[in-house]
Amino acid sequence: TEAGPVVNPDGVADTVTEQQTDQAMKKMAKVLKVKRGAGEAVQVDQLVTNPRSFSQFVENAFTLSFLIKDGEAGLEPSA
């Protein structure tokens, strides 16, 4: 039995999951941009909560964390 070809991790194409995360980030950033343009605040729970799927909630929170890290979103305490 022979081993498969040696692959450099930098040379591997984006996985489907990474592409889905990128799409989710773009959608969430768009929602935030529209709300910001209208002068509206967005509650974190409105942005990330999915009552039908805990795993989707986790993915949404993960996506939001990247937007915050990239400076596309921020958190402020509510009044």
Protein backbone atom coordinates (compact mmCIF):
# COMPACT_ATOMS: atom_id res chain seq x y z
CA THR A 1 0.00 0.00 0.00
CA GLU A 2 1.38 3.37 -1.02
CA ALA A 3 0.80 6.61 0.81
CA GLY A 4 -1.02 9.40 -0.99
CA PRO A 5 0.71 12.47 -2.32
CA VAL A 6 2.30 14.93 0.06
CA VAL A 7 0.13 18.02 0.38
CA ASN A 8 1.24 21.38 1.70
CA PRO A 9 -1.53 22.77 3.96
CA ASP A 10 -1.14 26.20 2.36
CA GLY A 11 -1.92 24.62 -1.00
CA VAL A 12 -5.23 23.08 0.05
CA ALA A 13 -8.32 24.86 -1.26
CA ASP A 14 -10.89 26.28 1.13
CA THR A 15 -13.18 23.66 2.53
CA VAL A 16 -16.94 23.86 2.18
CA THR A 17 -17.16 24.78 5.86
CA GLU A 18 -14.76 27.70 5.41
CA GLN A 19 -16.74 28.89 2.40
CA GLN A 20 -19.98 28.67 4.41
CA THR A 21 -18.37 30.65 7.25
CA ASP A 22 -17.26 33.31 4.76
CA GLN A 23 -20.79 33.54 3.37
CA ALA A 24 -22.28 33.76 6.87
CA MET A 25 -19.85 36.56 7.74
CA LYS A 26 -20.83 38.48 4.61
CA LYS A 27 -24.55 38.10 5.38
CA MET A 28 -24.14 39.14 9.00
CA ALA A 29 -21.93 42.10 8.04
CA LYS A 30 -24.58 43.20 5.54
CA VAL A 31 -27.33 43.08 8.19
CA LEU A 32 -25.15 45.11 10.54
CA LYS A 33 -24.32 47.65 7.83
CA VAL A 34 -28.00 48.16 6.96
CA LYS A 35 -28.96 48.55 10.63
CA ARG A 36 -26.04 50.91 11.27
CA GLY A 37 -27.02 52.99 8.22
CA ALA A 38 -30.54 53.30 9.61
CA GLY A 39 -29.16 54.29 13.02
CA GLU A 40 -30.56 51.16 14.63
CA ALA A 41 -28.86 49.07 17.28
CA VAL A 42 -28.87 45.30 17.00
CA GLN A 43 -29.21 43.12 20.07
CA VAL A 44 -26.67 40.27 20.14
CA ASP A 45 -29.40 37.72 20.83
CA GLN A 46 -31.34 38.90 17.75
CA LEU A 47 -28.25 38.38 15.62
CA VAL A 48 -27.07 34.97 16.82
CA THR A 49 -30.00 33.12 18.39
CA ASN A 50 -31.64 30.28 16.50
CA PRO A 51 -34.35 28.65 18.68
CA ARG A 52 -34.46 25.57 16.44
CA SER A 53 -30.72 24.83 16.37
CA PHE A 54 -28.16 25.16 19.15
CA SER A 55 -25.36 24.36 16.72
CA GLN A 56 -26.50 27.23 14.46
CA PHE A 57 -26.44 29.53 17.50
CA VAL A 58 -22.83 28.48 18.18
CA GLU A 59 -21.88 29.02 14.52
CA ASN A 60 -23.53 32.46 14.54
CA ALA A 61 -21.70 33.46 17.73
CA PHE A 62 -18.45 32.25 16.15
CA THR A 63 -19.18 34.28 13.02
CA LEU A 64 -19.93 37.39 15.08
CA SER A 65 -16.66 36.96 16.96
CA PHE A 66 -14.75 37.14 13.67
CA LEU A 67 -16.62 40.30 12.65
CA ILE A 68 -15.73 41.88 15.99
CA LYS A 69 -12.09 40.82 15.59
CA ASP A 70 -12.00 42.31 12.08
CA GLY A 71 -13.54 45.59 13.28
CA GLU A 72 -16.77 45.06 11.31
CA ALA A 73 -18.85 44.88 14.50
CA GLY A 74 -18.57 45.88 18.11
CA LEU A 75 -20.29 45.36 21.43
CA GLU A 76 -21.68 48.05 23.68
CA PRO A 77 -23.51 47.62 26.98
CA SER A 78 -27.23 48.23 26.75
CA ALA A 79 -28.75 51.10 28.67
